[in-house]
Amino acid sequence: MRNRTITIALILAAVVAIVAATRDQTRPGVPQMSAAGETAPPVGKDSVKFLVLGDTGTGDRGQYDTAVQAWKAHAVFPYEFAIMLGDNIYGSERPQDFKKKFETPYKPLLDANIPFYAALGNHDDPNQRYYKPFGMNGQRFYTYQKKDARFFALDSNYMDKDQQAWLEKELAASNSKWKIAYFHHPLYSSGATHGSEVDLRTIIEPLFKKHNVNVVFAGHEHFYERVKPQGGIYYFTAGGSAKLREGDIRSSNLTAKGFDTEQSFMVVELDGDVMRFQTISRSGKRVDSGEITRQNAGTQ
């Protein structure tokens, strides 16, 4: 009788755990799981959908495995373009290096005509801006529009006066619903190796606040970190798409979510006033997800 009671108790505990897990997956702000894997499909019919990759250009197994998962995610979450957060090519940059460290791992995306838009990292030769598949059109910094979102790709290596003036002019001129900036060096980071780029933050964060930038993506740190909103802006570090600095996230009051045990990438959806994001690991597991509401929703 005692054994039977224990068995019933274990069954009830398992049922409670399953129900709790189901509720966790369906709570507001968390995209639904897909039967095809751990990447969830987009919600909006006419949303802006993109892939986020950072610090990719190693040409090693980590990059290739993560690229495979990024292409698998596309079957469920059909992103329309990809942004690259710098350190696009490590080491030598001969034609065969571009092939090994970019063209081969991302061949399925390139064959599907998914455009890439790169920013320059500290390991990148500035001449990468002339490499057509990186979508930079010869510019160190540039901007482009995707439906109701305006993207600003910056060169955080050389935030000179010309770039600052250009950035303020372009931010002021944009009346897009979403303003999204991305570049290599994170303004906020809990990384033990690098940490926050305070000097850069002093220069450009006032412009972001003044002109209602919503979201900022950066790389440089070889892990994933979602930072608690700073000054009303959402910051993500996604620099672990090939290189990994395992265990490098320090205990910090900045971190809303961190992941530094495996390579990863992000898929993002802009749907009206809502941004939904998912972070997927090298092994295909979803390690973070959620949604945020545009800070100035209702004003545009």
Protein backbone atom coordinates (compact mmCIF):
# COMPACT_ATOMS: atom_id res chain seq x y z
CA MET A 1 0.00 0.00 0.00
CA ARG A 2 2.88 2.35 0.90
CA ASN A 3 4.55 1.73 -2.49
CA ARG A 4 1.28 2.44 -4.29
CA THR A 5 0.91 5.73 -2.40
CA ILE A 6 4.45 6.74 -3.35
CA THR A 7 3.79 5.86 -7.03
CA ILE A 8 0.60 7.97 -7.11
CA ALA A 9 2.47 10.86 -5.48
CA LEU A 10 5.22 10.67 -8.09
CA ILE A 11 2.68 10.63 -10.93
CA LEU A 12 0.91 13.68 -9.49
CA ALA A 13 4.22 15.51 -9.12
CA ALA A 14 5.08 14.79 -12.75
CA VAL A 15 1.69 16.10 -13.90
CA VAL A 16 2.15 19.29 -11.88
CA ALA A 17 5.61 19.79 -13.39
CA ILE A 18 4.29 19.34 -16.92
CA VAL A 19 1.45 21.80 -16.34
CA ALA A 20 3.86 24.33 -14.81
CA ALA A 21 6.24 24.01 -17.77
CA THR A 22 3.37 24.48 -20.19
CA ARG A 23 2.25 27.60 -18.38
CA ASP A 24 5.79 28.94 -18.43
CA GLN A 25 5.98 28.52 -22.20
CA THR A 26 2.68 30.28 -22.79
CA ARG A 27 3.01 33.19 -20.38
CA PRO A 28 2.90 36.66 -21.99
CA GLY A 29 6.20 37.79 -23.43
CA VAL A 30 7.53 34.31 -24.22
CA PRO A 31 7.23 33.06 -27.82
CA GLN A 32 5.60 29.67 -28.24
CA MET A 33 7.66 26.54 -28.81
CA SER A 34 7.53 24.99 -32.27
CA ALA A 35 6.96 21.31 -32.93
CA ALA A 36 9.89 21.48 -35.36
CA GLY A 37 12.36 22.42 -32.64
CA GLU A 38 13.02 25.03 -29.99
CA THR A 39 12.75 28.03 -32.28
CA ALA A 40 9.26 29.50 -32.27
CA PRO A 41 7.59 30.85 -35.42
CA PRO A 42 6.93 34.59 -35.80
CA VAL A 43 3.59 35.97 -34.70
CA GLY A 44 2.96 38.89 -37.05
CA LYS A 45 1.98 38.44 -40.69
CA ASP A 46 3.80 41.53 -41.95
CA SER A 47 6.49 41.84 -39.30
CA VAL A 48 10.17 42.64 -39.77
CA LYS A 49 12.15 39.45 -39.11
CA PHE A 50 15.94 39.29 -38.87
CA LEU A 51 18.88 37.21 -37.69
CA VAL A 52 21.57 38.56 -35.34
CA LEU A 53 25.13 37.19 -35.54
CA GLY A 54 28.19 38.46 -33.72
CA ASP A 55 31.93 37.69 -33.83
CA THR A 56 31.48 35.05 -36.48
CA GLY A 57 34.57 34.90 -38.66
CA THR A 58 36.62 32.04 -37.26
CA GLY A 59 36.09 29.38 -39.90
CA ASP A 60 36.09 26.74 -37.19
CA ARG A 61 33.68 24.06 -36.02
CA GLY A 62 31.89 26.39 -33.62
CA GLN A 63 30.99 28.79 -36.39
CA TYR A 64 29.85 26.03 -38.73
CA ASP A 65 27.70 24.29 -36.12
CA THR A 66 26.03 27.56 -35.13
CA ALA A 67 25.46 28.44 -38.78
CA VAL A 68 23.69 25.11 -39.26
CA GLN A 69 21.35 25.94 -36.38
CA ALA A 70 20.73 29.41 -37.80
CA TRP A 71 19.62 27.87 -41.09
CA LYS A 72 17.45 25.31 -39.29
CA ALA A 73 15.81 28.19 -37.42
CA HIS A 74 14.94 29.82 -40.75
CA ALA A 75 12.62 26.93 -41.60
CA VAL A 76 10.49 27.90 -38.59
CA PHE A 77 11.29 31.59 -38.32
CA PRO A 78 11.79 32.87 -41.89
CA TYR A 79 14.00 35.89 -41.20
CA GLU A 80 14.45 38.17 -44.18
CA PHE A 81 17.95 39.55 -43.52
CA ALA A 82 20.88 39.23 -41.11
CA ILE A 83 22.85 41.80 -39.15
CA MET A 84 26.49 41.17 -38.23
CA LEU A 85 27.97 42.79 -35.12
CA GLY A 86 31.63 42.89 -36.12
CA ASP A 87 34.71 40.67 -36.05
CA ASN A 88 33.33 39.26 -39.26
CA ILE A 89 36.70 37.80 -40.37
CA TYR A 90 39.43 36.88 -37.90
CA GLY A 91 43.03 36.66 -39.03
CA SER A 92 44.01 36.85 -42.69
CA GLU A 93 41.48 38.21 -45.18
CA ARG A 94 42.44 36.57 -48.46
CA PRO A 95 39.72 35.47 -50.89
CA GLN A 96 39.96 31.92 -49.54
CA ASP A 97 39.45 33.29 -46.02
CA PHE A 98 36.22 35.03 -46.98
CA LYS A 99 35.11 31.74 -48.46
CA LYS A 100 36.02 29.63 -45.42
CA LYS A 101 34.90 32.12 -42.76
CA PHE A 102 31.73 33.47 -44.39
CA GLU A 103 30.63 32.12 -47.76
CA THR A 104 30.78 28.41 -46.91
CA PRO A 105 29.17 28.40 -43.44
CA TYR A 106 26.37 30.73 -44.56
CA LYS A 107 25.95 29.30 -48.07
CA PRO A 108 22.30 28.23 -47.51
CA LEU A 109 21.40 31.80 -46.49
CA LEU A 110 23.29 33.32 -49.40
CA ASP A 111 21.69 30.86 -51.82
CA ALA A 112 18.30 31.92 -50.44
CA ASN A 113 19.20 35.56 -51.22
CA ILE A 114 19.09 36.60 -47.57
CA PRO A 115 21.06 39.87 -47.41
CA PHE A 116 23.66 40.55 -44.73
CA TYR A 117 24.37 43.98 -43.22
CA ALA A 118 27.69 44.06 -41.36
CA ALA A 119 29.30 46.39 -38.86
CA LEU A 120 33.07 46.52 -38.40
CA GLY A 121 34.80 45.00 -35.37
CA ASN A 122 38.25 45.59 -33.93
CA HIS A 123 39.59 42.47 -35.72
CA ASP A 124 38.22 43.56 -39.10
CA ASP A 125 40.12 45.25 -41.90
CA PRO A 126 38.12 48.41 -42.77
CA ASN A 127 38.34 47.35 -46.41
CA GLN A 128 35.65 44.78 -45.61
CA ARG A 129 33.24 47.60 -46.38
CA TYR A 130 33.92 46.96 -50.06
CA TYR A 131 33.07 43.26 -49.83
CA LYS A 132 29.67 43.19 -51.48
CA PRO A 133 28.06 40.33 -49.47
CA PHE A 134 28.52 42.37 -46.27
CA GLY A 135 26.07 44.96 -47.60
CA MET A 136 28.08 48.00 -46.50
CA ASN A 137 28.34 49.66 -49.92
CA GLY A 138 31.81 50.99 -49.13
CA GLN A 139 30.68 52.78 -45.94
CA ARG A 140 32.09 52.41 -42.41
CA PHE A 141 28.71 53.45 -41.05
CA TYR A 142 25.35 53.54 -42.79
CA THR A 143 21.59 53.33 -42.36
CA TYR A 144 18.76 51.49 -44.07
CA GLN A 145 15.01 51.02 -43.77
CA LYS A 146 13.03 47.79 -43.33
CA LYS A 147 9.31 48.56 -43.38
CA ASP A 148 8.63 50.62 -40.23
CA ALA A 149 12.12 50.12 -38.77
CA ARG A 150 15.27 52.17 -39.36
CA PHE A 151 18.62 50.46 -38.72
CA PHE A 152 21.88 52.28 -37.97
CA ALA A 153 25.10 50.27 -38.46
CA LEU A 154 27.96 52.10 -36.76
CA ASP A 155 31.74 51.80 -36.63
CA SER A 156 32.51 51.73 -32.91
CA ASN A 157 36.25 51.46 -33.59
CA TYR A 158 36.45 55.11 -34.72
CA MET A 159 33.61 57.19 -33.35
CA ASP A 160 35.02 60.38 -34.83
CA LYS A 161 33.31 63.76 -35.20
CA ASP A 162 32.15 62.99 -38.73
CA GLN A 163 30.37 59.84 -37.65
CA GLN A 164 28.83 61.57 -34.63
CA ALA A 165 27.49 64.40 -36.80
CA TRP A 166 26.16 61.92 -39.34
CA LEU A 167 24.50 59.85 -36.62
CA GLU A 168 22.72 62.80 -35.05
CA LYS A 169 21.53 64.03 -38.43
CA GLU A 170 20.19 60.61 -39.46
CA LEU A 171 18.53 59.92 -36.11
CA ALA A 172 16.84 63.32 -36.13
CA ALA A 173 15.61 62.85 -39.70
CA SER A 174 14.02 59.48 -39.04
CA ASN A 175 10.38 59.22 -38.03
CA SER A 176 10.39 55.42 -38.17
CA LYS A 177 8.44 53.51 -35.56
CA TRP A 178 11.57 51.54 -34.55
CA LYS A 179 15.11 52.89 -34.36
CA ILE A 180 17.69 50.15 -33.92
CA ALA A 181 21.45 50.71 -33.66
CA TYR A 182 24.12 48.06 -33.84
CA PHE A 183 27.90 48.02 -33.67
CA HIS A 184 30.74 46.03 -32.15
CA HIS A 185 31.63 47.33 -28.69
CA PRO A 186 28.91 47.06 -26.00
CA LEU A 187 28.03 50.18 -24.03
CA TYR A 188 26.97 47.97 -21.13
CA SER A 189 28.51 44.59 -20.38
CA SER A 190 29.15 42.26 -17.45
CA GLY A 191 32.06 40.59 -19.26
CA ALA A 192 35.16 39.97 -17.17
CA THR A 193 37.46 40.29 -20.20
CA HIS A 194 36.21 43.61 -21.60
CA GLY A 195 33.23 45.05 -19.74
CA SER A 196 31.31 48.21 -20.60
CA GLU A 197 32.76 50.64 -23.15
CA VAL A 198 32.25 53.72 -20.98
CA ASP A 199 34.09 56.20 -23.23
CA LEU A 200 31.99 55.19 -26.22
CA ARG A 201 28.85 55.30 -24.10
CA THR A 202 29.60 58.88 -23.08
CA ILE A 203 29.68 59.90 -26.74
CA ILE A 204 26.72 58.14 -28.31
CA GLU A 205 24.24 57.24 -25.58
CA PRO A 206 23.05 60.87 -25.24
CA LEU A 207 22.19 60.80 -28.95
CA PHE A 208 20.31 57.52 -28.52
CA LYS A 209 18.26 58.97 -25.68
CA LYS A 210 17.64 62.29 -27.40
CA HIS A 211 16.36 60.68 -30.58
CA ASN A 212 14.43 57.73 -29.10
CA VAL A 213 16.56 54.78 -30.11
CA ASN A 214 14.69 51.67 -28.95
CA VAL A 215 17.17 48.79 -29.11
CA VAL A 216 20.95 48.41 -29.37
CA PHE A 217 22.84 45.25 -30.41
CA ALA A 218 26.59 44.76 -29.88
CA GLY A 219 29.20 42.00 -30.03
CA HIS A 220 32.84 41.94 -28.86
CA GLU A 221 32.07 39.91 -25.74
CA HIS A 222 32.00 36.24 -26.75
CA PHE A 223 28.74 35.38 -25.04
CA TYR A 224 25.09 36.44 -24.91
CA GLU A 225 23.81 39.03 -22.48
CA ARG A 226 20.47 40.80 -22.23
CA VAL A 227 21.02 43.90 -20.17
CA LYS A 228 18.35 45.42 -17.97
CA PRO A 229 16.97 48.56 -19.68
CA GLN A 230 19.32 51.50 -19.31
CA GLY A 231 17.82 54.95 -19.68
CA GLY A 232 14.80 53.38 -21.32
CA ILE A 233 16.89 51.61 -24.00
CA TYR A 234 17.20 47.83 -24.42
CA TYR A 235 20.75 46.54 -24.89
CA PHE A 236 21.76 43.08 -26.14
CA THR A 237 25.23 41.61 -26.52
CA ALA A 238 25.34 38.75 -29.03
CA GLY A 239 29.04 38.18 -29.68
CA GLY A 240 29.12 34.42 -29.34
CA SER A 241 28.10 33.18 -32.78
CA ALA A 242 31.48 31.50 -33.38
CA LYS A 243 33.91 32.38 -30.61
CA LEU A 244 33.02 31.58 -27.01
CA ARG A 245 34.47 32.95 -23.79
CA GLU A 246 33.04 30.40 -21.43
CA GLY A 247 32.19 31.52 -17.89
CA ASP A 248 33.11 35.15 -18.60
CA ILE A 249 29.91 36.83 -17.40
CA ARG A 250 30.52 38.33 -13.97
CA SER A 251 27.86 38.71 -11.33
CA SER A 252 26.37 42.12 -12.04
CA ASN A 253 23.23 44.13 -11.52
CA LEU A 254 23.24 44.80 -15.27
CA THR A 255 22.30 41.31 -16.39
CA ALA A 256 18.69 40.36 -17.07
CA LYS A 257 19.82 37.12 -18.76
CA GLY A 258 23.25 35.76 -19.61
CA PHE A 259 24.51 32.70 -21.48
CA ASP A 260 28.21 31.91 -21.75
CA THR A 261 28.43 28.13 -21.98
CA GLU A 262 27.83 27.67 -25.72
CA GLN A 263 27.81 29.66 -28.96
CA SER A 264 24.53 31.35 -29.86
CA PHE A 265 22.62 33.66 -32.19
CA MET A 266 19.36 35.60 -32.09
CA VAL A 267 16.22 35.84 -34.20
CA VAL A 268 14.11 38.96 -33.79
CA GLU A 269 10.65 40.07 -34.90
CA LEU A 270 9.35 43.65 -34.99
CA ASP A 271 5.57 43.44 -35.00
CA GLY A 272 3.79 46.75 -34.63
CA ASP A 273 4.79 48.14 -31.23
CA VAL A 274 6.22 44.82 -30.03
CA MET A 275 9.66 43.29 -30.48
CA ARG A 276 9.93 39.54 -29.88
CA PHE A 277 13.35 37.93 -29.54
CA GLN A 278 14.76 34.45 -29.18
CA THR A 279 18.31 33.35 -28.47
CA ILE A 280 19.29 29.92 -29.78
CA SER A 281 22.38 27.96 -28.81
CA ARG A 282 24.84 26.01 -30.96
CA SER A 283 23.00 22.81 -29.99
CA GLY A 284 19.62 24.26 -31.00
CA LYS A 285 18.26 25.05 -27.54
CA ARG A 286 16.37 28.22 -26.84
CA VAL A 287 18.24 29.89 -23.98
CA ASP A 288 16.35 33.19 -23.80
CA SER A 289 13.20 34.71 -25.26
CA GLY A 290 10.64 37.38 -24.62
CA GLU A 291 9.06 40.52 -25.93
CA ILE A 292 9.36 44.21 -25.30
CA THR A 293 6.98 47.04 -26.08
CA ARG A 294 8.33 50.02 -27.98
CA GLN A 295 9.14 52.72 -25.44
CA ASN A 296 7.40 55.56 -27.28
CA ALA A 297 4.45 53.47 -28.45
CA GLY A 298 1.42 55.62 -29.22
CA THR A 299 3.48 58.61 -30.32
CA GLN A 300 3.95 57.49 -33.92
